[in-house]
Amino acid sequence: MERTVRDILEATGGTLLSGREDTVIRDIALDSRRCENSALFIPIRGERVDGHDFIDKAFEGGAAASLTARADIMLPDDAADRALILVKDTVQALQDIGRQARSERPLPIVGVTGSVGKTSTREMIACALRSALRTFSTTGNHNGQLGVPIMLAQIAPKDEAAVLEMGVSMPGEMPVLADMVRPDAAVVTNIGVSHIENLGSREGICREKLHILDSSRPDAPLIVNADDELLMRIAPETGHPLITYGRSETADMRAADEVTDLSGSRFTAVCGEERVPVRLSVPGAHHIMNALAALCAARWQGIPLETAAGALTSFHGFARRQEISQTAGRTLIDDSYNASPDSMRAALAVLSDLEPSEGGRRIAVLADMLELGPDEAALHRSVGEYLAGTKTDLVILIGRLAPEIAKGCPDKACRSFASRGEALGYLLEAGRRGDVVLFKGSNGMKLNEMIADWKAALGAV
């Protein structure tokens, strides 16, 4: 991005307290330690820390300008010529900058939301669109109230399309994102129970996510998972044209002839009379669903199905999201980035699909799923009920809630531990070469640290 302080003043209605209007801004930073490259620093007031206390550090680090909602900010002498812009609210100002950036970029934008699979679907859509268009997509986890406007500001003039992930955790957040992004098409992957603690129910989650096209043209299509009954019941209420995908025979884009193994996934995409083989580098039936959504988005942009399908082979997944690797004769499935009941079931399906080497077993290391609200115990038990039907040979449970999983699968070999350290000791004792080992739990359970210790211990043997 490249803007001037004058642009920021116009977007935010702010007042320039010091510095020059022609100062060039090349980035936006919320962290005062990452203000190199002539960034605009945006201080955010949090529960424990007020970013305004670090404005001087931001300028020391290379910031070209900073917003402030405090008129009493005093700059050090060596930063007295830096641009300081007074606004009523820094979060609102950041979002106004995002709206300004969107108004300057008339390119087609696909918004992506859902309870599970947003990030993978977003990147599969970007892969498919890149077969014909220069496409920008969300980086990292910039999918919320602060991240989305930063992504909008980073769309380059040369970009021909964009795919933006749009995540919500509280009521009223999606209309704000929708007003900034104004998607030309939107994908809703599914409706699960992530953030149900704040959004009340699956129906509440569904209705919040379906606000994604609130500020879009009436003909903007809603691309939805036809296999999600709740989504299919409520989505027509938006009034937007629906494009459906899934395994249902009635879906506009459906999968047939599915195969998934350690090398990846294969299926046939069926759209009307057209049938196109698709090969993915990532295993898992859920990735087939993500790919179908991407093919719908590409077709909406007029990209031939065969071209888009070929482009999907370039998607290789993400670190700590069902990342598969080999460690000391074991197959590791690292899915430790986060967890919900739906993503836990998807991960267990991948584990069940993969064949251990001779003498090995399928082992699931499962930790607590957090932020599930008053039904958290029942939701963990529901994962156990699903697990009962899988080929998992050994289940290692960690935390306060994970032992509830065992109650749903009484016939499975389950061991529960209060800490990662205890669980690691047992895994090292019980594990053997040829095993396929899945690690899955909420990010706060820090299974990534257990994985590192497990690898280190295996390497020392």
Protein backbone atom coordinates (compact mmCIF):
# COMPACT_ATOMS: atom_id res chain seq x y z
CA MET A 1 0.00 0.00 0.00
CA GLU A 2 1.04 3.59 -0.47
CA ARG A 3 -1.00 6.45 0.95
CA THR A 4 -0.36 9.88 2.36
CA VAL A 5 -1.33 11.45 5.65
CA ARG A 6 -3.76 13.56 3.61
CA ASP A 7 -5.54 10.35 2.52
CA ILE A 8 -5.79 9.23 6.14
CA LEU A 9 -7.22 12.59 7.19
CA GLU A 10 -9.86 12.36 4.46
CA ALA A 11 -10.80 8.80 5.41
CA THR A 12 -11.02 9.38 9.16
CA GLY A 13 -12.05 13.03 9.46
CA GLY A 14 -9.10 13.37 11.82
CA THR A 15 -7.09 16.45 12.81
CA LEU A 16 -3.37 16.74 12.11
CA LEU A 17 -1.64 17.63 15.38
CA SER A 18 1.89 17.57 13.98
CA GLY A 19 3.79 16.65 10.84
CA ARG A 20 3.01 17.07 7.14
CA GLU A 21 0.04 16.00 5.02
CA ASP A 22 2.29 14.78 2.20
CA THR A 23 4.06 12.23 4.44
CA VAL A 24 3.98 8.85 2.67
CA ILE A 25 2.61 5.75 4.46
CA ARG A 26 3.50 2.30 3.15
CA ASP A 27 2.02 0.00 5.80
CA ILE A 28 -0.32 -0.21 8.79
CA ALA A 29 0.85 -1.59 12.13
CA LEU A 30 -0.96 -2.34 15.37
CA ASP A 31 2.25 -3.41 17.13
CA SER A 32 4.72 -0.62 17.94
CA ARG A 33 7.57 -3.13 17.45
CA ARG A 34 6.60 -3.67 13.80
CA CYS A 35 6.53 -0.13 12.45
CA GLU A 36 9.35 -0.27 9.94
CA ASN A 37 8.63 0.56 6.28
CA SER A 38 7.05 3.97 6.99
CA ALA A 39 4.03 2.48 8.73
CA LEU A 40 0.97 4.16 10.15
CA PHE A 41 0.78 3.07 13.79
CA ILE A 42 -2.73 2.55 15.12
CA PRO A 43 -2.83 2.35 18.93
CA ILE A 44 -5.60 0.13 20.27
CA ARG A 45 -6.99 0.33 23.79
CA GLY A 46 -7.16 -3.17 25.28
CA GLU A 47 -8.28 -4.52 28.62
CA ARG A 48 -4.74 -4.51 29.98
CA VAL A 49 -2.67 -2.39 27.62
CA ASP A 50 -3.30 0.94 25.90
CA GLY A 51 -1.43 1.23 22.61
CA HIS A 52 -1.24 5.00 23.08
CA ASP A 53 1.50 4.38 25.64
CA PHE A 54 3.73 3.07 22.85
CA ILE A 55 3.38 5.80 20.22
CA ASP A 56 6.90 7.06 20.98
CA LYS A 57 8.25 3.51 20.57
CA ALA A 58 6.43 3.24 17.22
CA PHE A 59 8.17 6.37 15.95
CA GLU A 60 11.52 5.07 17.22
CA GLY A 61 10.89 1.89 15.23
CA GLY A 62 10.29 3.74 11.96
CA ALA A 63 6.61 4.72 11.92
CA ALA A 64 5.87 7.60 9.58
CA ALA A 65 2.62 8.54 11.34
CA SER A 66 0.33 7.54 14.16
CA LEU A 67 -3.31 7.89 15.04
CA THR A 68 -4.31 8.93 18.55
CA ALA A 69 -7.60 9.24 20.38
CA ARG A 70 -5.83 11.16 23.16
CA ALA A 71 -5.12 14.83 22.60
CA ASP A 72 -2.68 14.89 25.50
CA ILE A 73 -0.04 12.78 23.73
CA MET A 74 3.34 14.50 23.86
CA LEU A 75 5.90 13.44 21.28
CA PRO A 76 9.61 13.35 22.18
CA ASP A 77 11.74 16.11 20.67
CA ASP A 78 13.26 13.81 18.05
CA ALA A 79 9.76 12.89 16.78
CA ALA A 80 8.16 16.33 16.92
CA ASP A 81 7.96 16.48 13.12
CA ARG A 82 6.24 13.10 12.76
CA ALA A 83 2.61 13.02 11.67
CA LEU A 84 0.19 12.61 14.59
CA ILE A 85 -3.51 12.41 13.72
CA LEU A 86 -6.23 12.95 16.32
CA VAL A 87 -9.38 10.83 15.84
CA LYS A 88 -12.38 10.08 18.04
CA ASP A 89 -11.79 6.33 18.07
CA THR A 90 -8.78 4.52 16.62
CA VAL A 91 -10.66 1.28 15.80
CA GLN A 92 -13.36 3.21 13.96
CA ALA A 93 -10.66 5.19 12.16
CA LEU A 94 -8.91 2.00 11.06
CA GLN A 95 -12.19 0.68 9.67
CA ASP A 96 -12.78 3.99 7.88
CA ILE A 97 -9.37 3.56 6.23
CA GLY A 98 -10.49 0.10 5.12
CA ARG A 99 -13.70 1.53 3.64
CA GLN A 100 -11.72 4.17 1.78
CA ALA A 101 -9.39 1.51 0.36
CA ARG A 102 -12.35 -0.59 -0.78
CA SER A 103 -13.92 2.38 -2.56
CA GLU A 104 -10.68 2.82 -4.50
CA ARG A 105 -10.55 -0.84 -5.59
CA PRO A 106 -13.52 -1.78 -7.83
CA LEU A 107 -12.19 -5.32 -8.30
CA PRO A 108 -14.38 -8.39 -7.50
CA ILE A 109 -14.01 -9.56 -3.90
CA VAL A 110 -15.06 -12.95 -2.56
CA GLY A 111 -15.79 -12.95 1.17
CA VAL A 112 -15.33 -16.25 3.01
CA THR A 113 -16.86 -17.17 6.37
CA GLY A 114 -18.05 -20.25 8.23
CA SER A 115 -17.37 -22.16 11.42
CA VAL A 116 -14.73 -24.55 10.04
CA GLY A 117 -12.53 -24.46 6.98
CA LYS A 118 -12.49 -20.71 6.29
CA THR A 119 -8.73 -20.43 5.85
CA SER A 120 -8.30 -23.50 3.65
CA THR A 121 -11.32 -22.56 1.54
CA ARG A 122 -10.03 -18.99 1.20
CA GLU A 123 -6.70 -20.19 -0.13
CA MET A 124 -8.24 -22.77 -2.44
CA ILE A 125 -10.43 -20.03 -3.91
CA ALA A 126 -7.34 -17.85 -4.36
CA CYS A 127 -5.53 -20.73 -6.10
CA ALA A 128 -8.45 -21.25 -8.46
CA LEU A 129 -8.83 -17.56 -9.27
CA ARG A 130 -5.09 -17.13 -9.83
CA SER A 131 -5.38 -19.45 -12.81
CA ALA A 132 -6.84 -16.43 -14.66
CA LEU A 133 -6.60 -13.35 -12.43
CA ARG A 134 -3.97 -11.63 -10.29
CA THR A 135 -5.55 -12.37 -6.91
CA PHE A 136 -4.92 -10.96 -3.44
CA SER A 137 -5.91 -13.02 -0.42
CA THR A 138 -5.95 -12.56 3.34
CA THR A 139 -2.64 -13.28 5.06
CA GLY A 140 -2.32 -14.91 8.45
CA ASN A 141 -5.35 -14.55 10.70
CA HIS A 142 -6.31 -11.01 9.64
CA ASN A 143 -10.00 -11.87 9.41
CA GLY A 144 -11.64 -9.76 12.14
CA GLN A 145 -12.58 -6.22 13.03
CA LEU A 146 -8.94 -5.05 12.99
CA GLY A 147 -7.45 -7.38 10.40
CA VAL A 148 -9.96 -6.98 7.58
CA PRO A 149 -9.42 -3.21 7.10
CA ILE A 150 -5.66 -3.79 7.03
CA MET A 151 -6.16 -6.40 4.30
CA LEU A 152 -8.33 -4.00 2.30
CA ALA A 153 -5.59 -1.38 2.49
CA GLN A 154 -3.02 -3.87 1.19
CA ILE A 155 -4.86 -4.74 -2.03
CA ALA A 156 -2.61 -3.45 -4.82
CA PRO A 157 -3.76 -1.40 -7.82
CA LYS A 158 -2.55 -4.24 -10.09
CA ASP A 159 -4.70 -6.87 -8.35
CA GLU A 160 -7.66 -8.12 -10.40
CA ALA A 161 -9.54 -10.01 -7.67
CA ALA A 162 -9.39 -10.56 -3.92
CA VAL A 163 -10.43 -13.25 -1.45
CA LEU A 164 -10.98 -12.02 2.09
CA GLU A 165 -11.62 -14.20 5.13
CA MET A 166 -14.27 -12.71 7.41
CA GLY A 167 -14.52 -14.15 10.93
CA VAL A 168 -16.83 -13.21 13.78
CA SER A 169 -17.06 -14.12 17.44
CA MET A 170 -19.63 -11.64 18.79
CA PRO A 171 -23.10 -10.49 17.67
CA GLY A 172 -23.08 -7.49 15.35
CA GLU A 173 -19.57 -8.00 14.02
CA MET A 174 -20.42 -9.33 10.55
CA PRO A 175 -22.47 -6.29 9.45
CA VAL A 176 -19.43 -4.12 10.26
CA LEU A 177 -17.14 -6.34 8.17
CA ALA A 178 -19.70 -6.50 5.37
CA ASP A 179 -19.95 -2.71 5.27
CA MET A 180 -16.19 -2.46 4.79
CA VAL A 181 -15.70 -5.30 2.30
CA ARG A 182 -18.95 -5.18 0.30
CA PRO A 183 -18.24 -8.63 -1.22
CA ASP A 184 -19.30 -9.31 -4.80
CA ALA A 185 -19.80 -12.95 -3.81
CA ALA A 186 -19.64 -14.78 -0.48
CA VAL A 187 -18.88 -18.34 0.60
CA VAL A 188 -20.29 -19.84 3.81
CA THR A 189 -18.52 -23.13 4.49
CA ASN A 190 -20.72 -24.51 7.28
CA ILE A 191 -22.35 -23.71 10.62
CA GLY A 192 -20.80 -25.32 13.68
CA VAL A 193 -20.50 -24.31 17.32
CA SER A 194 -17.35 -22.16 17.31
CA HIS A 195 -18.02 -19.05 19.46
CA ILE A 196 -21.40 -20.43 20.51
CA GLU A 197 -20.60 -19.07 23.97
CA ASN A 198 -21.04 -15.55 22.57
CA LEU A 199 -23.52 -16.14 19.74
CA GLY A 200 -25.97 -18.26 21.72
CA SER A 201 -26.91 -21.08 19.35
CA ARG A 202 -26.10 -22.58 15.97
CA GLU A 203 -28.99 -20.60 14.52
CA GLY A 204 -27.56 -17.44 16.04
CA ILE A 205 -24.18 -18.26 14.51
CA CYS A 206 -25.81 -18.91 11.14
CA ARG A 207 -27.77 -15.66 11.09
CA GLU A 208 -24.71 -13.64 12.11
CA LYS A 209 -22.58 -15.12 9.33
CA LEU A 210 -25.31 -14.63 6.73
CA HIS A 211 -25.02 -10.86 7.24
CA ILE A 212 -21.92 -11.15 5.03
CA LEU A 213 -23.77 -9.72 2.00
CA ASP A 214 -25.69 -7.01 3.86
CA SER A 215 -23.90 -4.18 2.01
CA SER A 216 -23.53 -5.94 -1.34
CA ARG A 217 -25.52 -5.70 -4.57
CA PRO A 218 -28.77 -7.71 -4.59
CA ASP A 219 -27.40 -10.00 -7.31
CA ALA A 220 -24.25 -10.91 -5.35
CA PRO A 221 -24.33 -14.73 -5.08
CA LEU A 222 -24.15 -16.65 -1.83
CA ILE A 223 -22.11 -19.84 -2.26
CA VAL A 224 -23.21 -22.28 0.42
CA ASN A 225 -22.66 -25.84 1.58
CA ALA A 226 -25.70 -27.81 0.43
CA ASP A 227 -25.03 -30.53 3.01
CA ASP A 228 -25.54 -28.15 5.94
CA GLU A 229 -29.27 -28.37 6.71
CA LEU A 230 -29.39 -25.29 8.93
CA LEU A 231 -27.54 -23.18 6.39
CA MET A 232 -29.79 -24.33 3.56
CA ARG A 233 -32.89 -23.53 5.61
CA ILE A 234 -31.89 -19.97 6.55
CA ALA A 235 -29.75 -18.84 3.57
CA PRO A 236 -32.73 -18.26 1.23
CA GLU A 237 -33.97 -15.60 3.65
CA THR A 238 -31.11 -13.33 2.54
CA GLY A 239 -32.75 -12.89 -0.87
CA HIS A 240 -29.41 -13.39 -2.64
CA PRO A 241 -29.08 -15.98 -5.42
CA LEU A 242 -27.69 -19.26 -4.07
CA ILE A 243 -24.95 -21.36 -5.60
CA THR A 244 -24.68 -24.69 -3.79
CA TYR A 245 -21.95 -27.28 -3.44
CA GLY A 246 -21.58 -30.59 -1.61
CA ARG A 247 -22.35 -34.27 -1.90
CA SER A 248 -26.08 -33.75 -2.28
CA GLU A 249 -27.44 -34.76 -5.68
CA THR A 250 -29.21 -31.40 -5.84
CA ALA A 251 -26.01 -29.35 -5.37
CA ASP A 252 -24.93 -27.14 -8.27
CA MET A 253 -21.35 -28.40 -7.82
CA ARG A 254 -20.95 -31.85 -6.32
CA ALA A 255 -18.28 -34.45 -5.69
CA ALA A 256 -18.26 -38.02 -6.96
CA ASP A 257 -15.73 -40.88 -6.91
CA GLU A 258 -13.96 -39.62 -3.77
CA VAL A 259 -10.65 -41.14 -2.67
CA THR A 260 -8.39 -39.86 0.10
CA ASP A 261 -5.08 -41.27 1.36
CA LEU A 262 -1.68 -40.12 2.58
CA SER A 263 -0.82 -38.68 -0.85
CA GLY A 264 -3.90 -36.43 -0.94
CA SER A 265 -7.48 -36.50 -2.18
CA ARG A 266 -9.06 -37.24 -5.55
CA PHE A 267 -12.59 -36.77 -6.78
CA THR A 268 -14.70 -35.87 -9.79
CA ALA A 269 -16.34 -32.45 -9.81
CA VAL A 270 -19.78 -32.67 -11.35
CA CYS A 271 -21.54 -29.53 -12.54
CA GLY A 272 -24.54 -30.17 -14.77
CA GLU A 273 -23.29 -32.33 -17.63
CA GLU A 274 -19.67 -31.42 -16.98
CA ARG A 275 -17.39 -33.87 -15.15
CA VAL A 276 -13.81 -32.89 -14.31
CA PRO A 277 -11.24 -34.93 -12.32
CA VAL A 278 -9.65 -33.04 -9.40
CA ARG A 279 -6.48 -34.00 -7.53
CA LEU A 280 -5.56 -32.30 -4.24
CA SER A 281 -2.21 -32.48 -2.45
CA VAL A 282 -3.93 -32.57 0.95
CA PRO A 283 -5.89 -35.54 2.37
CA GLY A 284 -9.30 -35.37 3.96
CA ALA A 285 -12.92 -35.45 2.82
CA HIS A 286 -13.43 -31.95 4.25
CA HIS A 287 -10.83 -30.57 1.82
CA ILE A 288 -12.92 -31.96 -1.02
CA MET A 289 -15.77 -29.76 0.22
CA ASN A 290 -13.44 -26.75 0.38
CA ALA A 291 -12.34 -27.44 -3.19
CA LEU A 292 -15.96 -27.57 -4.39
CA ALA A 293 -16.52 -24.10 -2.91
CA ALA A 294 -13.42 -22.85 -4.73
CA LEU A 295 -14.64 -24.30 -8.03
CA CYS A 296 -17.98 -22.51 -7.56
CA ALA A 297 -16.21 -19.19 -7.00
CA ALA A 298 -14.01 -19.70 -10.07
CA ARG A 299 -16.99 -20.62 -12.23
CA TRP A 300 -18.76 -17.47 -11.02
CA GLN A 301 -15.80 -15.51 -12.40
CA GLY A 302 -16.06 -17.30 -15.75
CA ILE A 303 -13.01 -19.51 -15.27
CA PRO A 304 -13.37 -22.92 -17.00
CA LEU A 305 -13.88 -25.75 -14.53
CA GLU A 306 -10.93 -27.72 -15.87
CA THR A 307 -8.61 -24.71 -15.53
CA ALA A 308 -9.66 -24.04 -11.95
CA ALA A 309 -9.38 -27.73 -11.04
CA GLY A 310 -5.83 -27.86 -12.33
CA ALA A 311 -4.88 -24.83 -10.26
CA LEU A 312 -6.06 -26.47 -7.03
CA THR A 313 -3.08 -28.84 -7.10
CA SER A 314 -0.92 -25.90 -5.92
CA PHE A 315 -2.68 -25.80 -2.54
CA HIS A 316 -0.54 -27.54 0.08
CA GLY A 317 -2.22 -26.59 3.35
CA PHE A 318 -0.93 -24.62 6.34
CA ALA A 319 1.37 -25.14 9.27
CA ARG A 320 -0.39 -26.78 12.24
CA ARG A 321 -3.57 -27.31 10.20
CA GLN A 322 -3.55 -31.03 9.40
CA GLU A 323 0.10 -30.68 8.45
CA ILE A 324 1.41 -34.17 7.67
CA SER A 325 5.05 -35.12 8.08
CA GLN A 326 7.29 -38.05 8.98
CA THR A 327 9.07 -38.24 12.33
CA ALA A 328 11.30 -41.16 13.39
CA GLY A 329 9.28 -43.70 11.45
CA ARG A 330 5.92 -42.24 12.54
CA THR A 331 3.42 -40.23 10.53
CA LEU A 332 2.52 -36.99 12.31
CA ILE A 333 -0.75 -35.14 11.68
CA ASP A 334 -0.24 -31.74 13.31
CA ASP A 335 -3.68 -30.13 13.66
CA SER A 336 -2.83 -28.21 16.82
CA TYR A 337 -3.72 -24.72 15.58
CA ASN A 338 -7.24 -24.81 17.05
CA ALA A 339 -10.23 -27.05 17.59
CA SER A 340 -14.01 -27.20 17.57
CA PRO A 341 -16.27 -30.28 17.51
CA ASP A 342 -16.60 -30.06 13.73
CA SER A 343 -12.88 -29.66 13.05
CA MET A 344 -12.13 -32.41 15.61
CA ARG A 345 -14.39 -34.80 13.70
CA ALA A 346 -12.76 -33.79 10.40
CA ALA A 347 -9.30 -34.48 11.83
CA LEU A 348 -10.39 -37.87 13.17
CA ALA A 349 -11.77 -38.73 9.73
CA VAL A 350 -8.36 -37.99 8.20
CA LEU A 351 -6.67 -40.16 10.85
CA SER A 352 -9.12 -42.97 10.12
CA ASP A 353 -8.44 -42.73 6.37
CA LEU A 354 -4.65 -43.03 6.69
CA GLU A 355 -3.06 -46.49 6.85
CA PRO A 356 -0.32 -47.06 9.44
CA SER A 357 2.85 -48.80 8.39
CA GLU A 358 3.27 -52.45 9.32
CA GLY A 359 2.98 -52.84 13.09
CA GLY A 360 1.76 -49.29 13.61
CA ARG A 361 -1.53 -47.98 14.97
CA ARG A 362 -3.73 -44.92 14.66
CA ILE A 363 -3.26 -42.75 17.77
CA ALA A 364 -5.28 -39.61 18.54
CA VAL A 365 -3.86 -37.11 21.05
CA LEU A 366 -6.82 -34.85 21.83
CA ALA A 367 -6.87 -31.83 24.16
CA ASP A 368 -9.67 -29.58 25.41
CA MET A 369 -11.83 -27.60 22.98
CA LEU A 370 -12.29 -24.17 24.55
CA GLU A 371 -14.98 -21.44 24.38
CA LEU A 372 -17.89 -23.82 23.84
CA GLY A 373 -20.16 -22.39 26.52
CA PRO A 374 -22.44 -24.26 28.95
CA ASP A 375 -22.72 -27.32 26.69
CA GLU A 376 -18.96 -27.87 26.59
CA ALA A 377 -19.08 -31.28 28.29
CA ALA A 378 -21.84 -32.59 26.01
CA LEU A 379 -20.00 -31.29 22.93
CA HIS A 380 -16.86 -33.16 23.97
CA ARG A 381 -18.93 -36.32 24.47
CA SER A 382 -20.36 -35.87 20.96
CA VAL A 383 -16.81 -36.03 19.58
CA GLY A 384 -16.39 -39.29 21.46
CA GLU A 385 -19.55 -40.65 19.88
CA TYR A 386 -18.10 -39.87 16.46
CA LEU A 387 -14.73 -41.30 17.43
CA ALA A 388 -16.43 -44.59 18.35
CA GLY A 389 -17.10 -45.22 14.67
CA THR A 390 -13.56 -44.49 13.48
CA LYS A 391 -10.56 -46.80 13.11
CA THR A 392 -8.63 -45.06 15.91
CA ASP A 393 -6.70 -47.60 18.00
CA LEU A 394 -5.57 -45.46 20.96
CA VAL A 395 -6.84 -42.15 22.34
CA ILE A 396 -4.76 -39.93 24.63
CA LEU A 397 -6.82 -37.18 26.27
CA ILE A 398 -5.38 -34.04 27.88
CA GLY A 399 -7.03 -31.41 30.06
CA ARG A 400 -10.15 -30.81 32.11
CA LEU A 401 -12.74 -31.39 29.37
CA ALA A 402 -11.11 -33.88 27.02
CA PRO A 403 -11.84 -36.85 29.34
CA GLU A 404 -15.52 -36.29 28.47
CA ILE A 405 -14.65 -37.60 25.00
CA ALA A 406 -14.01 -41.02 26.52
CA LYS A 407 -17.59 -41.15 27.82
CA GLY A 408 -18.82 -41.07 24.23
CA CYS A 409 -16.65 -44.01 23.14
CA PRO A 410 -16.50 -46.47 26.04
CA ASP A 411 -15.23 -49.29 23.83
CA LYS A 412 -12.16 -47.36 22.66
CA ALA A 413 -8.80 -47.56 24.43
CA CYS A 414 -8.62 -44.13 26.07
CA ARG A 415 -6.14 -42.72 28.59
CA SER A 416 -6.68 -39.32 30.28
CA PHE A 417 -3.99 -37.00 31.63
CA ALA A 418 -4.09 -33.67 33.41
CA SER A 419 -0.96 -32.29 31.74
CA ARG A 420 0.92 -32.44 28.45
CA GLY A 421 4.00 -33.72 30.24
CA GLU A 422 2.21 -36.77 31.64
CA ALA A 423 0.60 -37.47 28.27
CA LEU A 424 3.95 -37.17 26.50
CA GLY A 425 5.52 -39.72 28.80
CA TYR A 426 2.75 -42.21 28.03
CA LEU A 427 2.89 -41.54 24.26
CA LEU A 428 6.64 -42.18 24.20
CA GLU A 429 6.12 -45.41 26.14
CA ALA A 430 3.13 -46.69 24.16
CA GLY A 431 4.07 -45.47 20.68
CA ARG A 432 6.09 -47.37 18.11
CA ARG A 433 7.39 -47.10 14.57
CA GLY A 434 4.67 -47.20 11.93
CA ASP A 435 2.15 -45.23 14.04
CA VAL A 436 0.01 -42.46 12.60
CA VAL A 437 -0.36 -39.87 15.37
CA LEU A 438 -2.87 -37.01 15.32
CA PHE A 439 -2.51 -34.02 17.66
CA LYS A 440 -5.68 -31.91 17.94
CA GLY A 441 -6.87 -29.35 20.50
CA SER A 442 -7.57 -25.68 21.03
CA ASN A 443 -4.61 -23.37 20.56
CA GLY A 444 -4.65 -22.49 24.25
CA MET A 445 -3.82 -26.10 25.10
CA LYS A 446 -0.38 -25.62 23.45
CA LEU A 447 -0.16 -29.02 21.79
CA ASN A 448 2.45 -27.49 19.46
CA GLU A 449 4.83 -27.48 22.43
CA MET A 450 4.08 -31.14 23.13
CA ILE A 451 4.74 -31.96 19.46
CA ALA A 452 8.14 -30.25 19.65
CA ASP A 453 9.02 -32.18 22.82
CA TRP A 454 7.81 -35.45 21.24
CA LYS A 455 9.96 -34.89 18.15
CA ALA A 456 12.95 -34.00 20.29
CA ALA A 457 12.55 -37.09 22.44
CA LEU A 458 12.17 -39.37 19.39
CA GLY A 459 15.24 -37.81 17.82
CA ALA A 460 17.25 -38.54 20.95
CA VAL A 461 16.35 -42.24 20.92
